[in-house]
Amino acid sequence: MSKQDDSPLILVTGATDGIGKQTAIMLAERGARVIVHGRSPERTAAAAEDVARSAGTPWVGQASADLSSLAEIHGMAEQILATYDRLDVLVNNAGVFMRERALTRDGFESTYAVNFLAPFVLSHLLVPHLARSASARVINVSSNTHQRTRFDWENLQGEREWDDSLAYASSKLALVLFTVEFARRVAGHGISSNALHPGVVSTKLLKEGFGVEGLDSLEKGAATSVFLALSDEGGQATGKYFVEGAATRCHPLAGDPLTTSKFYERTAAMVGLPALPRPQRSRGA
């Protein structure tokens, strides 16, 4: 990678196919330096070649990790920190829809681990490099399904009751709650944090998970991530939930700071990370 230009350096997870790959292409077409993430080095390398060819760019970075593994997430973060001098944007796009309940090697329910815990951990580990950017952004690809589920402290990972659609929706609600609380805790580092619904897009996840065809194209599915990554508005907004490029209302719990703070602290302890401090409100504020 040439260090000659100041174009934004952007890591997109889950970029070997679907919305993630399209996001990487559209970002690269607009002049960003993109790092594509995939689970296996082979698929990641193939995706990087495709993105470079489609976008007509000479360089696309690569990072590989199984996002169901805390050790591999830490390893990928260490690679990013060692290879690059900063990171401008992290797009947490990777997601899964599991038909059967299964546990990861770390003992977490797989849907919850990949769709929520992985973005939580990766975002925290990359804060040092994001803080070096003049306009750092964390973008979490959620889903409108988060609106249609309830938050159950005792069943976050399907410990008592499990359903594939409920597990997916709950993981996306967790991601929204994290987005809002993380925004508060990284504001002092100059980092914004926003979530989005990509649309009902024709992807493998939608077809295999929900058994339906999407209404929206991959380009439309990637558009809001690209908007949040590159636009001035995307850098100024934080703690918001976007649909089709506009901030909109999300789950009511996201507006409850006591809930988001408690959930954040609990999750940090669960994955063995120190919680970032929450800014104290000044007296009379």
C-alpha atoms as a PDB file:
ATOM      1  CA  MET A   1       0.000   0.000   0.000  1.00  0.00           C
ATOM      2  CA  SER A   2       1.315   3.409  -0.907  1.00  0.00           C
ATOM      3  CA  LYS A   3       1.304   5.957   1.892  1.00  0.00           C
ATOM      4  CA  GLN A   4       1.339   8.837  -0.547  1.00  0.00           C
ATOM      5  CA  ASP A   5      -2.292   9.853  -0.319  1.00  0.00           C
ATOM      6  CA  ASP A   6      -4.686  10.712   2.448  1.00  0.00           C
ATOM      7  CA  SER A   7      -7.660   8.799   1.086  1.00  0.00           C
ATOM      8  CA  PRO A   8      -9.566   7.006   3.860  1.00  0.00           C
ATOM      9  CA  LEU A   9      -8.500   3.531   4.898  1.00  0.00           C
ATOM     10  CA  ILE A  10     -11.585   1.374   5.457  1.00  0.00           C
ATOM     11  CA  LEU A  11     -11.937  -2.167   6.808  1.00  0.00           C
ATOM     12  CA  VAL A  12     -15.081  -3.996   5.678  1.00  0.00           C
ATOM     13  CA  THR A  13     -15.869  -7.274   7.431  1.00  0.00           C
ATOM     14  CA  GLY A  14     -17.737 -10.032   5.625  1.00  0.00           C
ATOM     15  CA  ALA A  15     -16.568  -8.699   2.268  1.00  0.00           C
ATOM     16  CA  THR A  16     -16.125 -11.919   0.315  1.00  0.00           C
ATOM     17  CA  ASP A  17     -19.652 -11.775  -1.118  1.00  0.00           C
ATOM     18  CA  GLY A  18     -23.020 -10.044  -0.917  1.00  0.00           C
ATOM     19  CA  ILE A  19     -23.462  -6.588   0.577  1.00  0.00           C
ATOM     20  CA  GLY A  20     -19.990  -6.542   2.087  1.00  0.00           C
ATOM     21  CA  LYS A  21     -18.240  -7.162  -1.207  1.00  0.00           C
ATOM     22  CA  GLN A  22     -20.428  -4.609  -2.974  1.00  0.00           C
ATOM     23  CA  THR A  23     -19.676  -2.099  -0.212  1.00  0.00           C
ATOM     24  CA  ALA A  24     -15.951  -2.653  -0.708  1.00  0.00           C
ATOM     25  CA  ILE A  25     -16.274  -2.161  -4.470  1.00  0.00           C
ATOM     26  CA  MET A  26     -18.274   1.042  -4.149  1.00  0.00           C
ATOM     27  CA  LEU A  27     -15.890   2.466  -1.551  1.00  0.00           C
ATOM     28  CA  ALA A  28     -12.868   1.662  -3.713  1.00  0.00           C
ATOM     29  CA  GLU A  29     -14.563   3.188  -6.764  1.00  0.00           C
ATOM     30  CA  ARG A  30     -14.862   6.413  -4.787  1.00  0.00           C
ATOM     31  CA  GLY A  31     -11.181   6.528  -3.963  1.00  0.00           C
ATOM     32  CA  ALA A  32     -11.037   4.818  -0.580  1.00  0.00           C
ATOM     33  CA  ARG A  33      -8.305   2.353   0.295  1.00  0.00           C
ATOM     34  CA  VAL A  34     -10.203  -0.768   1.278  1.00  0.00           C
ATOM     35  CA  ILE A  35      -9.231  -3.765   3.389  1.00  0.00           C
ATOM     36  CA  VAL A  36     -11.530  -6.716   2.750  1.00  0.00           C
ATOM     37  CA  HIS A  37     -12.119  -9.257   5.489  1.00  0.00           C
ATOM     38  CA  GLY A  38     -13.113 -12.863   5.022  1.00  0.00           C
ATOM     39  CA  ARG A  39     -13.159 -16.011   7.076  1.00  0.00           C
ATOM     40  CA  SER A  40     -10.544 -17.876   5.034  1.00  0.00           C
ATOM     41  CA  PRO A  41      -7.366 -16.464   3.458  1.00  0.00           C
ATOM     42  CA  GLU A  42      -8.222 -18.106   0.126  1.00  0.00           C
ATOM     43  CA  ARG A  43     -11.678 -16.548  -0.213  1.00  0.00           C
ATOM     44  CA  THR A  44     -10.379 -13.235   1.084  1.00  0.00           C
ATOM     45  CA  ALA A  45      -7.626 -13.153  -1.541  1.00  0.00           C
ATOM     46  CA  ALA A  46     -10.102 -13.966  -4.312  1.00  0.00           C
ATOM     47  CA  ALA A  47     -12.476 -11.246  -3.103  1.00  0.00           C
ATOM     48  CA  ALA A  48      -9.655  -8.702  -2.945  1.00  0.00           C
ATOM     49  CA  GLU A  49      -8.784  -9.455  -6.564  1.00  0.00           C
ATOM     50  CA  ASP A  50     -12.430  -9.088  -7.596  1.00  0.00           C
ATOM     51  CA  VAL A  51     -12.804  -5.784  -5.751  1.00  0.00           C
ATOM     52  CA  ALA A  52      -9.594  -4.394  -7.255  1.00  0.00           C
ATOM     53  CA  ARG A  53     -10.627  -5.437 -10.763  1.00  0.00           C
ATOM     54  CA  SER A  54     -14.201  -4.150 -10.430  1.00  0.00           C
ATOM     55  CA  ALA A  55     -13.148  -0.821  -8.939  1.00  0.00           C
ATOM     56  CA  GLY A  56     -10.106  -0.369 -11.158  1.00  0.00           C
ATOM     57  CA  THR A  57      -7.798   0.176  -8.201  1.00  0.00           C
ATOM     58  CA  PRO A  58      -4.247  -1.178  -7.869  1.00  0.00           C
ATOM     59  CA  TRP A  59      -4.443  -1.999  -4.156  1.00  0.00           C
ATOM     60  CA  VAL A  60      -6.931  -3.785  -1.917  1.00  0.00           C
ATOM     61  CA  GLY A  61      -5.835  -4.999   1.502  1.00  0.00           C
ATOM     62  CA  GLN A  62      -6.727  -8.322   3.080  1.00  0.00           C
ATOM     63  CA  ALA A  63      -7.505  -9.503   6.608  1.00  0.00           C
ATOM     64  CA  SER A  64      -8.747 -12.958   7.566  1.00  0.00           C
ATOM     65  CA  ALA A  65     -10.404 -14.227  10.734  1.00  0.00           C
ATOM     66  CA  ASP A  66     -13.189 -16.491  11.894  1.00  0.00           C
ATOM     67  CA  LEU A  67     -15.412 -13.970  13.662  1.00  0.00           C
ATOM     68  CA  SER A  68     -16.876 -16.651  15.899  1.00  0.00           C
ATOM     69  CA  SER A  69     -13.464 -16.917  17.592  1.00  0.00           C
ATOM     70  CA  LEU A  70     -12.275 -14.270  20.046  1.00  0.00           C
ATOM     71  CA  ALA A  71      -8.680 -15.387  19.516  1.00  0.00           C
ATOM     72  CA  GLU A  72      -8.917 -14.895  15.750  1.00  0.00           C
ATOM     73  CA  ILE A  73     -10.553 -11.477  16.158  1.00  0.00           C
ATOM     74  CA  HIS A  74      -7.692 -10.435  18.427  1.00  0.00           C
ATOM     75  CA  GLY A  75      -5.222 -11.802  15.904  1.00  0.00           C
ATOM     76  CA  MET A  76      -6.762  -9.850  13.037  1.00  0.00           C
ATOM     77  CA  ALA A  77      -6.815  -6.657  15.093  1.00  0.00           C
ATOM     78  CA  GLU A  78      -3.139  -7.123  15.932  1.00  0.00           C
ATOM     79  CA  GLN A  79      -2.422  -7.553  12.218  1.00  0.00           C
ATOM     80  CA  ILE A  80      -4.241  -4.311  11.392  1.00  0.00           C
ATOM     81  CA  LEU A  81      -2.450  -2.416  14.160  1.00  0.00           C
ATOM     82  CA  ALA A  82       0.942  -3.721  13.023  1.00  0.00           C
ATOM     83  CA  THR A  83       0.419  -3.161   9.293  1.00  0.00           C
ATOM     84  CA  TYR A  84      -1.209   0.261   9.090  1.00  0.00           C
ATOM     85  CA  ASP A  85      -0.548   3.540  10.843  1.00  0.00           C
ATOM     86  CA  ARG A  86      -4.223   4.368  11.253  1.00  0.00           C
ATOM     87  CA  LEU A  87      -7.737   3.234  10.361  1.00  0.00           C
ATOM     88  CA  ASP A  88     -10.369   5.730   9.276  1.00  0.00           C
ATOM     89  CA  VAL A  89     -13.507   3.606   9.037  1.00  0.00           C
ATOM     90  CA  LEU A  90     -14.589   0.204  10.323  1.00  0.00           C
ATOM     91  CA  VAL A  91     -17.650  -1.283   8.625  1.00  0.00           C
ATOM     92  CA  ASN A  92     -18.921  -4.179  10.739  1.00  0.00           C
ATOM     93  CA  ASN A  93     -20.878  -5.858   7.958  1.00  0.00           C
ATOM     94  CA  ALA A  94     -20.360  -9.591   8.569  1.00  0.00           C
ATOM     95  CA  GLY A  95     -23.396 -11.519   9.731  1.00  0.00           C
ATOM     96  CA  VAL A  96     -24.855 -15.015   9.910  1.00  0.00           C
ATOM     97  CA  PHE A  97     -28.262 -16.655  10.180  1.00  0.00           C
ATOM     98  CA  MET A  98     -28.021 -20.012  11.958  1.00  0.00           C
ATOM     99  CA  ARG A  99     -30.724 -22.634  11.470  1.00  0.00           C
ATOM    100  CA  GLU A 100     -29.647 -24.589  14.547  1.00  0.00           C
ATOM    101  CA  ARG A 101     -28.419 -23.359  17.902  1.00  0.00           C
ATOM    102  CA  ALA A 102     -24.702 -23.970  18.262  1.00  0.00           C
ATOM    103  CA  LEU A 103     -21.978 -22.730  20.563  1.00  0.00           C
ATOM    104  CA  THR A 104     -18.635 -21.283  19.519  1.00  0.00           C
ATOM    105  CA  ARG A 105     -15.318 -22.492  20.902  1.00  0.00           C
ATOM    106  CA  ASP A 106     -15.595 -19.658  23.430  1.00  0.00           C
ATOM    107  CA  GLY A 107     -18.994 -20.903  24.604  1.00  0.00           C
ATOM    108  CA  PHE A 108     -21.191 -18.222  23.022  1.00  0.00           C
ATOM    109  CA  GLU A 109     -24.257 -18.829  20.859  1.00  0.00           C
ATOM    110  CA  SER A 110     -23.026 -18.553  17.269  1.00  0.00           C
ATOM    111  CA  THR A 111     -25.490 -15.978  15.929  1.00  0.00           C
ATOM    112  CA  TYR A 112     -24.904 -13.707  18.915  1.00  0.00           C
ATOM    113  CA  ALA A 113     -21.141 -14.186  18.660  1.00  0.00           C
ATOM    114  CA  VAL A 114     -20.731 -13.290  14.993  1.00  0.00           C
ATOM    115  CA  ASN A 115     -23.455 -10.657  14.629  1.00  0.00           C
ATOM    116  CA  PHE A 116     -22.820  -8.791  17.869  1.00  0.00           C
ATOM    117  CA  LEU A 117     -19.851  -9.878  19.967  1.00  0.00           C
ATOM    118  CA  ALA A 118     -17.447  -9.771  17.006  1.00  0.00           C
ATOM    119  CA  PRO A 119     -18.258  -6.122  16.153  1.00  0.00           C
ATOM    120  CA  PHE A 120     -18.108  -5.253  19.854  1.00  0.00           C
ATOM    121  CA  VAL A 121     -14.649  -6.760  20.308  1.00  0.00           C
ATOM    122  CA  LEU A 122     -13.174  -5.624  16.984  1.00  0.00           C
ATOM    123  CA  SER A 123     -14.393  -2.053  17.449  1.00  0.00           C
ATOM    124  CA  HIS A 124     -12.738  -1.845  20.863  1.00  0.00           C
ATOM    125  CA  LEU A 125      -9.465  -3.380  19.735  1.00  0.00           C
ATOM    126  CA  LEU A 126      -9.168  -0.927  16.835  1.00  0.00           C
ATOM    127  CA  VAL A 127      -9.907   2.219  18.864  1.00  0.00           C
ATOM    128  CA  PRO A 128      -6.179   3.139  19.076  1.00  0.00           C
ATOM    129  CA  HIS A 129      -5.877   3.305  15.279  1.00  0.00           C
ATOM    130  CA  LEU A 130      -9.309   4.843  14.746  1.00  0.00           C
ATOM    131  CA  ALA A 131      -8.389   7.590  17.209  1.00  0.00           C
ATOM    132  CA  ARG A 132      -5.518   8.594  14.900  1.00  0.00           C
ATOM    133  CA  SER A 133      -7.958   9.480  12.119  1.00  0.00           C
ATOM    134  CA  ALA A 134      -9.289  12.984  11.606  1.00  0.00           C
ATOM    135  CA  SER A 135     -12.761  11.567  10.925  1.00  0.00           C
ATOM    136  CA  ALA A 136     -12.989   8.080  12.421  1.00  0.00           C
ATOM    137  CA  ARG A 137     -16.200   6.143  11.978  1.00  0.00           C
ATOM    138  CA  VAL A 138     -17.591   2.806  13.141  1.00  0.00           C
ATOM    139  CA  ILE A 139     -20.521   1.600  11.043  1.00  0.00           C
ATOM    140  CA  ASN A 140     -22.587  -1.370  12.192  1.00  0.00           C
ATOM    141  CA  VAL A 141     -24.827  -3.150   9.695  1.00  0.00           C
ATOM    142  CA  SER A 142     -27.921  -4.096  11.677  1.00  0.00           C
ATOM    143  CA  SER A 143     -31.412  -4.964  10.420  1.00  0.00           C
ATOM    144  CA  ASN A 144     -34.951  -3.688  10.761  1.00  0.00           C
ATOM    145  CA  THR A 145     -35.737  -7.027  12.400  1.00  0.00           C
ATOM    146  CA  HIS A 146     -34.286  -5.524  15.579  1.00  0.00           C
ATOM    147  CA  GLN A 147     -37.480  -3.481  15.875  1.00  0.00           C
ATOM    148  CA  ARG A 148     -39.612  -6.593  16.166  1.00  0.00           C
ATOM    149  CA  THR A 149     -38.031  -8.321  19.127  1.00  0.00           C
ATOM    150  CA  ARG A 150     -37.995  -7.796  22.850  1.00  0.00           C
ATOM    151  CA  PHE A 151     -34.926  -7.578  25.036  1.00  0.00           C
ATOM    152  CA  ASP A 152     -34.717 -10.428  27.540  1.00  0.00           C
ATOM    153  CA  TRP A 153     -31.739 -10.220  29.889  1.00  0.00           C
ATOM    154  CA  GLU A 154     -32.112 -13.910  30.727  1.00  0.00           C
ATOM    155  CA  ASN A 155     -32.351 -15.165  27.155  1.00  0.00           C
ATOM    156  CA  LEU A 156     -29.910 -13.060  25.141  1.00  0.00           C
ATOM    157  CA  GLN A 157     -28.236 -16.152  23.703  1.00  0.00           C
ATOM    158  CA  GLY A 158     -31.265 -18.406  23.640  1.00  0.00           C
ATOM    159  CA  GLU A 159     -30.369 -20.000  26.961  1.00  0.00           C
ATOM    160  CA  ARG A 160     -34.003 -20.707  27.826  1.00  0.00           C
ATOM    161  CA  GLU A 161     -35.748 -20.466  24.471  1.00  0.00           C
ATOM    162  CA  TRP A 162     -34.226 -20.432  20.996  1.00  0.00           C
ATOM    163  CA  ASP A 163     -35.626 -19.672  17.569  1.00  0.00           C
ATOM    164  CA  ASP A 164     -33.502 -18.906  14.517  1.00  0.00           C
ATOM    165  CA  SER A 165     -35.359 -15.730  13.528  1.00  0.00           C
ATOM    166  CA  LEU A 166     -35.507 -14.529  17.133  1.00  0.00           C
ATOM    167  CA  ALA A 167     -31.787 -15.186  17.579  1.00  0.00           C
ATOM    168  CA  TYR A 168     -31.003 -13.129  14.476  1.00  0.00           C
ATOM    169  CA  ALA A 169     -33.264 -10.243  15.494  1.00  0.00           C
ATOM    170  CA  SER A 170     -31.928 -10.244  19.057  1.00  0.00           C
ATOM    171  CA  SER A 171     -28.335 -10.088  17.835  1.00  0.00           C
ATOM    172  CA  LYS A 172     -29.199  -7.106  15.653  1.00  0.00           C
ATOM    173  CA  LEU A 173     -30.949  -5.366  18.566  1.00  0.00           C
ATOM    174  CA  ALA A 174     -27.840  -5.937  20.672  1.00  0.00           C
ATOM    175  CA  LEU A 175     -25.800  -4.328  17.887  1.00  0.00           C
ATOM    176  CA  VAL A 176     -28.017  -1.227  17.895  1.00  0.00           C
ATOM    177  CA  LEU A 177     -27.823  -0.863  21.680  1.00  0.00           C
ATOM    178  CA  PHE A 178     -24.049  -1.175  21.475  1.00  0.00           C
ATOM    179  CA  THR A 179     -23.868   1.389  18.674  1.00  0.00           C
ATOM    180  CA  VAL A 180     -25.619   4.014  20.780  1.00  0.00           C
ATOM    181  CA  GLU A 181     -23.596   3.389  23.941  1.00  0.00           C
ATOM    182  CA  PHE A 182     -20.283   3.084  22.101  1.00  0.00           C
ATOM    183  CA  ALA A 183     -20.949   6.484  20.521  1.00  0.00           C
ATOM    184  CA  ARG A 184     -21.016   8.043  23.982  1.00  0.00           C
ATOM    185  CA  ARG A 185     -17.853   6.313  25.124  1.00  0.00           C
ATOM    186  CA  VAL A 186     -15.671   7.059  22.095  1.00  0.00           C
ATOM    187  CA  ALA A 187     -16.832  10.631  21.516  1.00  0.00           C
ATOM    188  CA  GLY A 188     -13.750  11.904  23.316  1.00  0.00           C
ATOM    189  CA  HIS A 189     -11.566   9.972  20.867  1.00  0.00           C
ATOM    190  CA  GLY A 190     -13.179  11.708  17.880  1.00  0.00           C
ATOM    191  CA  ILE A 191     -14.885   8.523  16.705  1.00  0.00           C
ATOM    192  CA  SER A 192     -18.489   8.354  15.493  1.00  0.00           C
ATOM    193  CA  SER A 193     -20.649   5.231  15.805  1.00  0.00           C
ATOM    194  CA  ASN A 194     -23.776   4.570  13.758  1.00  0.00           C
ATOM    195  CA  ALA A 195     -25.939   1.607  12.777  1.00  0.00           C
ATOM    196  CA  LEU A 196     -28.036   0.978   9.689  1.00  0.00           C
ATOM    197  CA  HIS A 197     -30.594  -1.231   7.998  1.00  0.00           C
ATOM    198  CA  PRO A 198     -29.317  -2.128   4.504  1.00  0.00           C
ATOM    199  CA  GLY A 199     -32.707  -2.975   3.039  1.00  0.00           C
ATOM    200  CA  VAL A 200     -34.271  -6.266   2.026  1.00  0.00           C
ATOM    201  CA  VAL A 201     -31.452  -7.281  -0.262  1.00  0.00           C
ATOM    202  CA  SER A 202     -31.072 -10.369  -2.447  1.00  0.00           C
ATOM    203  CA  THR A 203     -28.312 -12.105  -0.526  1.00  0.00           C
ATOM    204  CA  LYS A 204     -27.431 -15.666   0.378  1.00  0.00           C
ATOM    205  CA  LEU A 205     -28.256 -14.918   4.020  1.00  0.00           C
ATOM    206  CA  LEU A 206     -31.758 -13.713   3.149  1.00  0.00           C
ATOM    207  CA  LYS A 207     -32.511 -16.649   0.866  1.00  0.00           C
ATOM    208  CA  GLU A 208     -31.077 -19.376   3.082  1.00  0.00           C
ATOM    209  CA  GLY A 209     -32.090 -17.831   6.389  1.00  0.00           C
ATOM    210  CA  PHE A 210     -35.500 -16.336   5.740  1.00  0.00           C
ATOM    211  CA  GLY A 211     -36.398 -18.297   2.611  1.00  0.00           C
ATOM    212  CA  VAL A 212     -37.341 -15.216   0.592  1.00  0.00           C
ATOM    213  CA  GLU A 213     -35.980 -13.259  -2.341  1.00  0.00           C
ATOM    214  CA  GLY A 214     -34.840  -9.724  -1.708  1.00  0.00           C
ATOM    215  CA  LEU A 215     -36.471  -6.646  -3.162  1.00  0.00           C
ATOM    216  CA  ASP A 216     -33.361  -4.479  -3.217  1.00  0.00           C
ATOM    217  CA  SER A 217     -30.136  -4.706  -5.210  1.00  0.00           C
ATOM    218  CA  LEU A 218     -26.693  -5.171  -3.718  1.00  0.00           C
ATOM    219  CA  GLU A 219     -25.902  -1.604  -4.744  1.00  0.00           C
ATOM    220  CA  LYS A 220     -28.838  -0.295  -2.733  1.00  0.00           C
ATOM    221  CA  GLY A 221     -27.892  -2.535   0.177  1.00  0.00           C
ATOM    222  CA  ALA A 222     -24.386  -1.070   0.241  1.00  0.00           C
ATOM    223  CA  ALA A 223     -25.423   2.542  -0.320  1.00  0.00           C
ATOM    224  CA  THR A 224     -26.050   3.563   3.296  1.00  0.00           C
ATOM    225  CA  SER A 225     -22.751   2.075   4.485  1.00  0.00           C
ATOM    226  CA  VAL A 226     -20.949   4.003   1.742  1.00  0.00           C
ATOM    227  CA  PHE A 227     -22.840   7.177   2.656  1.00  0.00           C
ATOM    228  CA  LEU A 228     -21.913   6.873   6.325  1.00  0.00           C
ATOM    229  CA  ALA A 229     -18.296   6.044   5.489  1.00  0.00           C
ATOM    230  CA  LEU A 230     -17.581   8.895   3.095  1.00  0.00           C
ATOM    231  CA  SER A 231     -20.073  11.741   3.484  1.00  0.00           C
ATOM    232  CA  ASP A 232     -19.658  14.767   5.741  1.00  0.00           C
ATOM    233  CA  GLU A 233     -22.998  13.947   7.358  1.00  0.00           C
ATOM    234  CA  GLY A 234     -21.810  10.433   8.076  1.00  0.00           C
ATOM    235  CA  GLY A 235     -18.899  11.836  10.029  1.00  0.00           C
ATOM    236  CA  GLN A 236     -20.979  14.337  11.971  1.00  0.00           C
ATOM    237  CA  ALA A 237     -23.763  11.972  13.044  1.00  0.00           C
ATOM    238  CA  THR A 238     -23.198   9.574  15.914  1.00  0.00           C
ATOM    239  CA  GLY A 239     -25.318   7.228  17.985  1.00  0.00           C
ATOM    240  CA  LYS A 240     -27.899   7.103  15.195  1.00  0.00           C
ATOM    241  CA  TYR A 241     -29.729   4.428  13.208  1.00  0.00           C
ATOM    242  CA  PHE A 242     -29.971   4.982   9.451  1.00  0.00           C
ATOM    243  CA  VAL A 243     -32.310   3.656   6.779  1.00  0.00           C
ATOM    244  CA  GLU A 244     -31.793   4.658   3.130  1.00  0.00           C
ATOM    245  CA  GLY A 245     -29.311   7.339   4.091  1.00  0.00           C
ATOM    246  CA  ALA A 246     -31.484   9.038   6.702  1.00  0.00           C
ATOM    247  CA  ALA A 247     -31.409   8.833  10.493  1.00  0.00           C
ATOM    248  CA  THR A 248     -34.622   7.313  11.768  1.00  0.00           C
ATOM    249  CA  ARG A 249     -36.213   5.912  14.891  1.00  0.00           C
ATOM    250  CA  CYS A 250     -34.929   2.605  16.204  1.00  0.00           C
ATOM    251  CA  HIS A 251     -35.890   0.322  19.101  1.00  0.00           C
ATOM    252  CA  PRO A 252     -37.121   2.320  22.141  1.00  0.00           C
ATOM    253  CA  LEU A 253     -34.539   0.682  24.416  1.00  0.00           C
ATOM    254  CA  ALA A 254     -31.786   2.468  22.514  1.00  0.00           C
ATOM    255  CA  GLY A 255     -33.108   5.680  24.033  1.00  0.00           C
ATOM    256  CA  ASP A 256     -32.708   4.381  27.588  1.00  0.00           C
ATOM    257  CA  PRO A 257     -29.153   5.253  28.700  1.00  0.00           C
ATOM    258  CA  LEU A 258     -29.384   3.124  31.831  1.00  0.00           C
ATOM    259  CA  THR A 259     -30.156   0.041  29.760  1.00  0.00           C
ATOM    260  CA  THR A 260     -27.509   0.702  27.110  1.00  0.00           C
ATOM    261  CA  SER A 261     -24.870   1.376  29.761  1.00  0.00           C
ATOM    262  CA  LYS A 262     -25.702  -1.742  31.771  1.00  0.00           C
ATOM    263  CA  PHE A 263     -25.720  -3.862  28.625  1.00  0.00           C
ATOM    264  CA  TYR A 264     -22.400  -2.424  27.473  1.00  0.00           C
ATOM    265  CA  GLU A 265     -20.713  -3.064  30.832  1.00  0.00           C
ATOM    266  CA  ARG A 266     -22.078  -6.598  30.960  1.00  0.00           C
ATOM    267  CA  THR A 267     -20.858  -7.369  27.449  1.00  0.00           C
ATOM    268  CA  ALA A 268     -17.377  -5.973  28.079  1.00  0.00           C
ATOM    269  CA  ALA A 269     -17.040  -8.247  31.101  1.00  0.00           C
ATOM    270  CA  MET A 270     -18.346 -11.207  29.079  1.00  0.00           C
ATOM    271  CA  VAL A 271     -15.642 -10.892  26.421  1.00  0.00           C
ATOM    272  CA  GLY A 272     -12.865  -9.918  28.826  1.00  0.00           C
ATOM    273  CA  LEU A 273     -12.351  -6.326  27.709  1.00  0.00           C
ATOM    274  CA  PRO A 274     -12.035  -3.264  29.934  1.00  0.00           C
ATOM    275  CA  ALA A 275     -15.080  -1.047  29.540  1.00  0.00           C
ATOM    276  CA  LEU A 276     -14.372   2.347  28.065  1.00  0.00           C
ATOM    277  CA  PRO A 277     -15.329   5.062  30.561  1.00  0.00           C
ATOM    278  CA  ARG A 278     -18.610   6.842  30.110  1.00  0.00           C
ATOM    279  CA  PRO A 279     -18.298  10.643  30.039  1.00  0.00           C
ATOM    280  CA  GLN A 280     -19.620  12.268  33.193  1.00  0.00           C
ATOM    281  CA  ARG A 281     -22.278  14.897  32.765  1.00  0.00           C
ATOM    282  CA  SER A 282     -21.298  18.223  34.258  1.00  0.00           C
ATOM    283  CA  ARG A 283     -23.367  19.593  37.094  1.00  0.00           C
ATOM    284  CA  GLY A 284     -26.319  21.559  35.906  1.00  0.00           C
ATOM    285  CA  ALA A 285     -26.185  19.928  32.466  1.00  0.00           C
END
